[in-house]
Amino acid sequence: MPSVAHQAILGMGGFFLLLGAILIIWNRREKSRYYDSILLTRRDIKESFTHDPERPWLGAWQVGGRISLILGVLLLIIAGVLWLTG
């Protein structure tokens, strides 16, 4: 039977996995919204095809999502190891 500490670590791992998935999906939605809106409002549609100049703030959600996924997996592994050894 896992202790309360193991359950807390397991819960945090699940939370960060869910958060990471949500952030990555949010990033895809924001990118498509941004580049689709440019197509209708600008005369020069080069940016919508080449994504030049690059918009670094559009990738911030993806970076945060990847970090959350990695952290969630690590916490789940740690909780599993603690549960098996304790």
PDB file of N, CA and C in Angstrom:
ATOM      1  N   MET A   1       0.843  -1.182   0.000  1.00  0.00           N
ATOM      2  CA  MET A   1       0.000   0.000   0.000  1.00  0.00           C
ATOM      3  C   MET A   1       0.882   1.237   0.000  1.00  0.00           C
ATOM      4  N   PRO A   2       0.693   2.121  -0.998  1.00  0.00           N
ATOM      5  CA  PRO A   2       1.531   3.321  -1.055  1.00  0.00           C
ATOM      6  C   PRO A   2       1.163   4.306   0.051  1.00  0.00           C
ATOM      7  N   SER A   3       2.177   4.986   0.531  1.00  0.00           N
ATOM      8  CA  SER A   3       1.926   5.986   1.564  1.00  0.00           C
ATOM      9  C   SER A   3       1.359   7.254   0.934  1.00  0.00           C
ATOM     10  N   VAL A   4       1.034   8.208   1.784  1.00  0.00           N
ATOM     11  CA  VAL A   4       0.458   9.468   1.314  1.00  0.00           C
ATOM     12  C   VAL A   4       1.463  10.224   0.447  1.00  0.00           C
ATOM     13  N   ALA A   5       2.754  10.150   0.793  1.00  0.00           N
ATOM     14  CA  ALA A   5       3.782  10.833  -0.001  1.00  0.00           C
ATOM     15  C   ALA A   5       3.859  10.252  -1.410  1.00  0.00           C
ATOM     16  N   HIS A   6       3.755   8.920  -1.505  1.00  0.00           N
ATOM     17  CA  HIS A   6       3.793   8.295  -2.825  1.00  0.00           C
ATOM     18  C   HIS A   6       2.583   8.700  -3.659  1.00  0.00           C
ATOM     19  N   GLN A   7       1.438   8.773  -3.010  1.00  0.00           N
ATOM     20  CA  GLN A   7       0.224   9.172  -3.721  1.00  0.00           C
ATOM     21  C   GLN A   7       0.300  10.622  -4.168  1.00  0.00           C
ATOM     22  N   ALA A   8       0.920  11.472  -3.348  1.00  0.00           N
ATOM     23  CA  ALA A   8       1.057  12.886  -3.722  1.00  0.00           C
ATOM     24  C   ALA A   8       1.981  13.028  -4.928  1.00  0.00           C
ATOM     25  N   ILE A   9       3.083  12.302  -4.939  1.00  0.00           N
ATOM     26  CA  ILE A   9       4.003  12.359  -6.074  1.00  0.00           C
ATOM     27  C   ILE A   9       3.328  11.804  -7.322  1.00  0.00           C
ATOM     28  N   LEU A  10       2.581  10.735  -7.172  1.00  0.00           N
ATOM     29  CA  LEU A  10       1.845  10.149  -8.285  1.00  0.00           C
ATOM     30  C   LEU A  10       0.806  11.137  -8.834  1.00  0.00           C
ATOM     31  N   GLY A  11       0.116  11.830  -7.943  1.00  0.00           N
ATOM     32  CA  GLY A  11      -0.867  12.831  -8.362  1.00  0.00           C
ATOM     33  C   GLY A  11      -0.228  13.997  -9.093  1.00  0.00           C
ATOM     34  N   MET A  12       0.917  14.451  -8.585  1.00  0.00           N
ATOM     35  CA  MET A  12       1.622  15.551  -9.269  1.00  0.00           C
ATOM     36  C   MET A  12       2.103  15.112 -10.645  1.00  0.00           C
ATOM     37  N   GLY A  13       2.572  13.873 -10.755  1.00  0.00           N
ATOM     38  CA  GLY A  13       2.999  13.365 -12.054  1.00  0.00           C
ATOM     39  C   GLY A  13       1.861  13.328 -13.058  1.00  0.00           C
ATOM     40  N   GLY A  14       0.704  12.858 -12.616  1.00  0.00           N
ATOM     41  CA  GLY A  14      -0.470  12.842 -13.489  1.00  0.00           C
ATOM     42  C   GLY A  14      -0.914  14.240 -13.885  1.00  0.00           C
ATOM     43  N   PHE A  15      -0.841  15.165 -12.922  1.00  0.00           N
ATOM     44  CA  PHE A  15      -1.212  16.551 -13.208  1.00  0.00           C
ATOM     45  C   PHE A  15      -0.298  17.162 -14.266  1.00  0.00           C
ATOM     46  N   PHE A  16       1.020  16.949 -14.136  1.00  0.00           N
ATOM     47  CA  PHE A  16       1.949  17.529 -15.099  1.00  0.00           C
ATOM     48  C   PHE A  16       1.832  16.868 -16.471  1.00  0.00           C
ATOM     49  N   LEU A  17       1.516  15.582 -16.515  1.00  0.00           N
ATOM     50  CA  LEU A  17       1.269  14.937 -17.810  1.00  0.00           C
ATOM     51  C   LEU A  17       0.058  15.553 -18.495  1.00  0.00           C
ATOM     52  N   LEU A  18      -1.003  15.738 -17.739  1.00  0.00           N
ATOM     53  CA  LEU A  18      -2.215  16.340 -18.298  1.00  0.00           C
ATOM     54  C   LEU A  18      -1.962  17.782 -18.729  1.00  0.00           C
ATOM     55  N   LEU A  19      -1.257  18.535 -17.895  1.00  0.00           N
ATOM     56  CA  LEU A  19      -0.935  19.920 -18.230  1.00  0.00           C
ATOM     57  C   LEU A  19      -0.089  20.000 -19.492  1.00  0.00           C
ATOM     58  N   GLY A  20       0.896  19.121 -19.620  1.00  0.00           N
ATOM     59  CA  GLY A  20       1.746  19.112 -20.814  1.00  0.00           C
ATOM     60  C   GLY A  20       0.959  18.831 -22.073  1.00  0.00           C
ATOM     61  N   ALA A  21       0.050  17.873 -22.017  1.00  0.00           N
ATOM     62  CA  ALA A  21      -0.777  17.555 -23.184  1.00  0.00           C
ATOM     63  C   ALA A  21      -1.668  18.734 -23.558  1.00  0.00           C
ATOM     64  N   ILE A  22      -2.242  19.389 -22.551  1.00  0.00           N
ATOM     65  CA  ILE A  22      -3.102  20.550 -22.817  1.00  0.00           C
ATOM     66  C   ILE A  22      -2.308  21.683 -23.450  1.00  0.00           C
ATOM     67  N   LEU A  23      -1.093  21.935 -22.947  1.00  0.00           N
ATOM     68  CA  LEU A  23      -0.281  23.025 -23.487  1.00  0.00           C
ATOM     69  C   LEU A  23       0.152  22.754 -24.926  1.00  0.00           C
ATOM     70  N   ILE A  24       0.472  21.519 -25.246  1.00  0.00           N
ATOM     71  CA  ILE A  24       0.875  21.199 -26.621  1.00  0.00           C
ATOM     72  C   ILE A  24      -0.306  21.347 -27.573  1.00  0.00           C
ATOM     73  N   ILE A  25      -1.484  20.911 -27.163  1.00  0.00           N
ATOM     74  CA  ILE A  25      -2.678  21.084 -27.990  1.00  0.00           C
ATOM     75  C   ILE A  25      -3.007  22.567 -28.148  1.00  0.00           C
ATOM     76  N   TRP A  26      -2.862  23.334 -27.072  1.00  0.00           N
ATOM     77  CA  TRP A  26      -3.109  24.775 -27.111  1.00  0.00           C
ATOM     78  C   TRP A  26      -2.158  25.447 -28.094  1.00  0.00           C
ATOM     79  N   ASN A  27      -0.888  25.006 -28.123  1.00  0.00           N
ATOM     80  CA  ASN A  27       0.103  25.575 -29.032  1.00  0.00           C
ATOM     81  C   ASN A  27      -0.295  25.356 -30.484  1.00  0.00           C
ATOM     82  N   ARG A  28      -0.728  24.164 -30.799  1.00  0.00           N
ATOM     83  CA  ARG A  28      -1.143  23.883 -32.179  1.00  0.00           C
ATOM     84  C   ARG A  28      -2.320  24.754 -32.588  1.00  0.00           C
ATOM     85  N   ARG A  29      -3.256  24.937 -31.675  1.00  0.00           N
ATOM     86  CA  ARG A  29      -4.429  25.759 -31.967  1.00  0.00           C
ATOM     87  C   ARG A  29      -4.049  27.223 -32.163  1.00  0.00           C
ATOM     88  N   GLU A  30      -3.176  27.737 -31.302  1.00  0.00           N
ATOM     89  CA  GLU A  30      -2.760  29.136 -31.412  1.00  0.00           C
ATOM     90  C   GLU A  30      -1.979  29.395 -32.698  1.00  0.00           C
ATOM     91  N   LYS A  31      -1.098  28.467 -33.066  1.00  0.00           N
ATOM     92  CA  LYS A  31      -0.339  28.639 -34.307  1.00  0.00           C
ATOM     93  C   LYS A  31      -1.251  28.661 -35.514  1.00  0.00           C
ATOM     94  N   SER A  32      -2.183  27.734 -35.570  1.00  0.00           N
ATOM     95  CA  SER A  32      -3.076  27.695 -36.727  1.00  0.00           C
ATOM     96  C   SER A  32      -3.972  28.924 -36.766  1.00  0.00           C
ATOM     97  N   ARG A  33      -4.433  29.361 -35.608  1.00  0.00           N
ATOM     98  CA  ARG A  33      -5.246  30.580 -35.575  1.00  0.00           C
ATOM     99  C   ARG A  33      -4.463  31.795 -36.053  1.00  0.00           C
ATOM    100  N   TYR A  34      -3.232  31.921 -35.593  1.00  0.00           N
ATOM    101  CA  TYR A  34      -2.418  33.088 -35.940  1.00  0.00           C
ATOM    102  C   TYR A  34      -2.118  33.115 -37.433  1.00  0.00           C
ATOM    103  N   TYR A  35      -1.650  32.005 -37.975  1.00  0.00           N
ATOM    104  CA  TYR A  35      -1.271  32.005 -39.382  1.00  0.00           C
ATOM    105  C   TYR A  35      -2.477  31.998 -40.311  1.00  0.00           C
ATOM    106  N   ASP A  36      -3.606  31.474 -39.875  1.00  0.00           N
ATOM    107  CA  ASP A  36      -4.810  31.552 -40.699  1.00  0.00           C
ATOM    108  C   ASP A  36      -5.375  32.967 -40.731  1.00  0.00           C
ATOM    109  N   SER A  37      -5.252  33.701 -39.633  1.00  0.00           N
ATOM    110  CA  SER A  37      -5.761  35.077 -39.614  1.00  0.00           C
ATOM    111  C   SER A  37      -4.898  36.003 -40.454  1.00  0.00           C
ATOM    112  N   ILE A  38      -3.610  35.693 -40.565  1.00  0.00           N
ATOM    113  CA  ILE A  38      -2.716  36.512 -41.385  1.00  0.00           C
ATOM    114  C   ILE A  38      -3.104  36.408 -42.846  1.00  0.00           C
ATOM    115  N   LEU A  39      -3.514  35.244 -43.258  1.00  0.00           N
ATOM    116  CA  LEU A  39      -3.855  35.015 -44.654  1.00  0.00           C
ATOM    117  C   LEU A  39      -4.967  35.957 -45.110  1.00  0.00           C
ATOM    118  N   LEU A  40      -5.894  36.250 -44.235  1.00  0.00           N
ATOM    119  CA  LEU A  40      -7.018  37.098 -44.618  1.00  0.00           C
ATOM    120  C   LEU A  40      -6.738  38.581 -44.443  1.00  0.00           C
ATOM    121  N   THR A  41      -5.797  38.959 -43.562  1.00  0.00           N
ATOM    122  CA  THR A  41      -5.615  40.371 -43.250  1.00  0.00           C
ATOM    123  C   THR A  41      -4.415  41.014 -43.928  1.00  0.00           C
ATOM    124  N   ARG A  42      -3.513  40.267 -44.487  1.00  0.00           N
ATOM    125  CA  ARG A  42      -2.312  40.842 -45.093  1.00  0.00           C
ATOM    126  C   ARG A  42      -2.335  40.675 -46.604  1.00  0.00           C
ATOM    127  N   ARG A  43      -1.715  41.647 -47.245  1.00  0.00           N
ATOM    128  CA  ARG A  43      -1.588  41.541 -48.697  1.00  0.00           C
ATOM    129  C   ARG A  43      -0.476  40.561 -49.062  1.00  0.00           C
ATOM    130  N   ASP A  44       0.581  40.559 -48.251  1.00  0.00           N
ATOM    131  CA  ASP A  44       1.708  39.664 -48.506  1.00  0.00           C
ATOM    132  C   ASP A  44       1.469  38.361 -47.755  1.00  0.00           C
ATOM    133  N   ILE A  45       1.162  37.307 -48.477  1.00  0.00           N
ATOM    134  CA  ILE A  45       0.871  36.039 -47.814  1.00  0.00           C
ATOM    135  C   ILE A  45       2.124  35.171 -47.676  1.00  0.00           C
ATOM    136  N   LYS A  46       3.288  35.765 -47.940  1.00  0.00           N
ATOM    137  CA  LYS A  46       4.538  35.016 -47.809  1.00  0.00           C
ATOM    138  C   LYS A  46       4.716  34.484 -46.386  1.00  0.00           C
ATOM    139  N   GLU A  47       4.334  35.305 -45.392  1.00  0.00           N
ATOM    140  CA  GLU A  47       4.520  34.897 -43.996  1.00  0.00           C
ATOM    141  C   GLU A  47       3.698  33.661 -43.661  1.00  0.00           C
ATOM    142  N   SER A  48       2.500  33.532 -44.242  1.00  0.00           N
ATOM    143  CA  SER A  48       1.695  32.365 -43.912  1.00  0.00           C
ATOM    144  C   SER A  48       2.259  31.081 -44.500  1.00  0.00           C
ATOM    145  N   PHE A  49       2.986  31.189 -45.587  1.00  0.00           N
ATOM    146  CA  PHE A  49       3.562  29.983 -46.189  1.00  0.00           C
ATOM    147  C   PHE A  49       4.937  29.652 -45.629  1.00  0.00           C
ATOM    148  N   THR A  50       5.774  30.667 -45.415  1.00  0.00           N
ATOM    149  CA  THR A  50       7.150  30.414 -44.972  1.00  0.00           C
ATOM    150  C   THR A  50       7.336  30.593 -43.475  1.00  0.00           C
ATOM    151  N   HIS A  51       6.381  31.198 -42.802  1.00  0.00           N
ATOM    152  CA  HIS A  51       6.469  31.508 -41.370  1.00  0.00           C
ATOM    153  C   HIS A  51       7.711  32.341 -41.077  1.00  0.00           C
ATOM    154  N   ASP A  52       8.009  33.255 -41.980  1.00  0.00           N
ATOM    155  CA  ASP A  52       9.155  34.142 -41.825  1.00  0.00           C
ATOM    156  C   ASP A  52       8.646  35.564 -41.782  1.00  0.00           C
ATOM    157  N   PRO A  53       8.899  36.367 -40.819  1.00  0.00           N
ATOM    158  CA  PRO A  53       9.827  36.165 -39.706  1.00  0.00           C
ATOM    159  C   PRO A  53       9.233  35.218 -38.658  1.00  0.00           C
ATOM    160  N   GLU A  54      10.132  34.513 -38.007  1.00  0.00           N
ATOM    161  CA  GLU A  54       9.727  33.530 -37.001  1.00  0.00           C
ATOM    162  C   GLU A  54       9.123  34.237 -35.783  1.00  0.00           C
ATOM    163  N   ARG A  55       8.096  33.673 -35.206  1.00  0.00           N
ATOM    164  CA  ARG A  55       7.436  34.223 -34.025  1.00  0.00           C
ATOM    165  C   ARG A  55       7.754  33.329 -32.834  1.00  0.00           C
ATOM    166  N   PRO A  56       8.763  33.683 -32.018  1.00  0.00           N
ATOM    167  CA  PRO A  56       9.164  32.790 -30.916  1.00  0.00           C
ATOM    168  C   PRO A  56       8.097  32.618 -29.845  1.00  0.00           C
ATOM    169  N   TRP A  57       7.238  33.585 -29.662  1.00  0.00           N
ATOM    170  CA  TRP A  57       6.216  33.463 -28.620  1.00  0.00           C
ATOM    171  C   TRP A  57       5.185  32.399 -28.961  1.00  0.00           C
ATOM    172  N   LEU A  58       5.082  32.036 -30.244  1.00  0.00           N
ATOM    173  CA  LEU A  58       4.150  30.975 -30.604  1.00  0.00           C
ATOM    174  C   LEU A  58       4.661  29.612 -30.154  1.00  0.00           C
ATOM    175  N   GLY A  59       5.974  29.458 -29.993  1.00  0.00           N
ATOM    176  CA  GLY A  59       6.539  28.191 -29.558  1.00  0.00           C
ATOM    177  C   GLY A  59       6.633  28.040 -28.056  1.00  0.00           C
ATOM    178  N   ALA A  60       6.300  29.083 -27.313  1.00  0.00           N
ATOM    179  CA  ALA A  60       6.437  29.037 -25.853  1.00  0.00           C
ATOM    180  C   ALA A  60       5.504  28.002 -25.229  1.00  0.00           C
ATOM    181  N   TRP A  61       4.296  27.875 -25.742  1.00  0.00           N
ATOM    182  CA  TRP A  61       3.361  26.880 -25.211  1.00  0.00           C
ATOM    183  C   TRP A  61       3.905  25.470 -25.427  1.00  0.00           C
ATOM    184  N   GLN A  62       4.544  25.251 -26.592  1.00  0.00           N
ATOM    185  CA  GLN A  62       5.079  23.932 -26.895  1.00  0.00           C
ATOM    186  C   GLN A  62       6.254  23.586 -25.979  1.00  0.00           C
ATOM    187  N   VAL A  63       7.125  24.549 -25.732  1.00  0.00           N
ATOM    188  CA  VAL A  63       8.262  24.311 -24.837  1.00  0.00           C
ATOM    189  C   VAL A  63       7.767  24.012 -23.430  1.00  0.00           C
ATOM    190  N   GLY A  64       6.818  24.794 -22.948  1.00  0.00           N
ATOM    191  CA  GLY A  64       6.247  24.551 -21.626  1.00  0.00           C
ATOM    192  C   GLY A  64       5.555  23.203 -21.538  1.00  0.00           C
ATOM    193  N   GLY A  65       4.882  22.809 -22.603  1.00  0.00           N
ATOM    194  CA  GLY A  65       4.220  21.511 -22.636  1.00  0.00           C
ATOM    195  C   GLY A  65       5.204  20.359 -22.593  1.00  0.00           C
ATOM    196  N   ARG A  66       6.297  20.487 -23.327  1.00  0.00           N
ATOM    197  CA  ARG A  66       7.314  19.433 -23.309  1.00  0.00           C
ATOM    198  C   ARG A  66       7.975  19.320 -21.936  1.00  0.00           C
ATOM    199  N   ILE A  67       8.254  20.450 -21.328  1.00  0.00           N
ATOM    200  CA  ILE A  67       8.848  20.431 -19.988  1.00  0.00           C
ATOM    201  C   ILE A  67       7.883  19.776 -18.999  1.00  0.00           C
ATOM    202  N   SER A  68       6.611  20.113 -19.096  1.00  0.00           N
ATOM    203  CA  SER A  68       5.609  19.503 -18.211  1.00  0.00           C
ATOM    204  C   SER A  68       5.494  18.003 -18.430  1.00  0.00           C
ATOM    205  N   LEU A  69       5.544  17.571 -19.690  1.00  0.00           N
ATOM    206  CA  LEU A  69       5.483  16.135 -19.971  1.00  0.00           C
ATOM    207  C   LEU A  69       6.683  15.398 -19.379  1.00  0.00           C
ATOM    208  N   ILE A  70       7.862  15.955 -19.558  1.00  0.00           N
ATOM    209  CA  ILE A  70       9.066  15.324 -19.016  1.00  0.00           C
ATOM    210  C   ILE A  70       9.001  15.264 -17.496  1.00  0.00           C
ATOM    211  N   LEU A  71       8.593  16.358 -16.883  1.00  0.00           N
ATOM    212  CA  LEU A  71       8.479  16.396 -15.425  1.00  0.00           C
ATOM    213  C   LEU A  71       7.439  15.398 -14.928  1.00  0.00           C
ATOM    214  N   GLY A  72       6.315  15.288 -15.625  1.00  0.00           N
ATOM    215  CA  GLY A  72       5.275  14.339 -15.246  1.00  0.00           C
ATOM    216  C   GLY A  72       5.743  12.898 -15.336  1.00  0.00           C
ATOM    217  N   VAL A  73       6.456  12.568 -16.411  1.00  0.00           N
ATOM    218  CA  VAL A  73       6.968  11.202 -16.563  1.00  0.00           C
ATOM    219  C   VAL A  73       7.980  10.895 -15.464  1.00  0.00           C
ATOM    220  N   LEU A  74       8.879  11.845 -15.176  1.00  0.00           N
ATOM    221  CA  LEU A  74       9.863  11.633 -14.119  1.00  0.00           C
ATOM    222  C   LEU A  74       9.193  11.429 -12.760  1.00  0.00           C
ATOM    223  N   LEU A  75       8.179  12.229 -12.458  1.00  0.00           N
ATOM    224  CA  LEU A  75       7.476  12.072 -11.183  1.00  0.00           C
ATOM    225  C   LEU A  75       6.757  10.725 -11.096  1.00  0.00           C
ATOM    226  N   LEU A  76       6.175  10.283 -12.198  1.00  0.00           N
ATOM    227  CA  LEU A  76       5.513   8.979 -12.196  1.00  0.00           C
ATOM    228  C   LEU A  76       6.521   7.845 -12.002  1.00  0.00           C
ATOM    229  N   ILE A  77       7.681   7.961 -12.608  1.00  0.00           N
ATOM    230  CA  ILE A  77       8.725   6.953 -12.433  1.00  0.00           C
ATOM    231  C   ILE A  77       9.209   6.931 -10.998  1.00  0.00           C
ATOM    232  N   ILE A  78       9.430   8.111 -10.428  1.00  0.00           N
ATOM    233  CA  ILE A  78       9.883   8.208  -9.038  1.00  0.00           C
ATOM    234  C   ILE A  78       8.830   7.614  -8.091  1.00  0.00           C
ATOM    235  N   ALA A  79       7.574   7.936  -8.315  1.00  0.00           N
ATOM    236  CA  ALA A  79       6.504   7.383  -7.475  1.00  0.00           C
ATOM    237  C   ALA A  79       6.434   5.875  -7.605  1.00  0.00           C
ATOM    238  N   GLY A  80       6.613   5.353  -8.814  1.00  0.00           N
ATOM    239  CA  GLY A  80       6.594   3.908  -9.007  1.00  0.00           C
ATOM    240  C   GLY A  80       7.754   3.216  -8.296  1.00  0.00           C
ATOM    241  N   VAL A  81       8.938   3.800  -8.376  1.00  0.00           N
ATOM    242  CA  VAL A  81      10.095   3.219  -7.716  1.00  0.00           C
ATOM    243  C   VAL A  81       9.922   3.262  -6.193  1.00  0.00           C
ATOM    244  N   LEU A  82       9.455   4.379  -5.675  1.00  0.00           N
ATOM    245  CA  LEU A  82       9.235   4.482  -4.245  1.00  0.00           C
ATOM    246  C   LEU A  82       8.171   3.507  -3.757  1.00  0.00           C
ATOM    247  N   TRP A  83       7.153   3.322  -4.571  1.00  0.00           N
ATOM    248  CA  TRP A  83       6.081   2.398  -4.189  1.00  0.00           C
ATOM    249  C   TRP A  83       6.574   0.957  -4.154  1.00  0.00           C
ATOM    250  N   LEU A  84       7.410   0.608  -5.158  1.00  0.00           N
ATOM    251  CA  LEU A  84       7.933  -0.765  -5.208  1.00  0.00           C
ATOM    252  C   LEU A  84       8.957  -1.045  -4.111  1.00  0.00           C
ATOM    253  N   THR A  85       9.726  -0.026  -3.733  1.00  0.00           N
ATOM    254  CA  THR A  85      10.763  -0.250  -2.714  1.00  0.00           C
ATOM    255  C   THR A  85      10.236  -0.024  -1.304  1.00  0.00           C
ATOM    256  N   GLY A  86       9.129   0.682  -1.163  1.00  0.00           N
ATOM    257  CA  GLY A  86       8.634   1.026   0.178  1.00  0.00           C
ATOM    258  C   GLY A  86       7.542   0.212   0.595  1.00  0.00           C
TER     259      GLY A  86
END
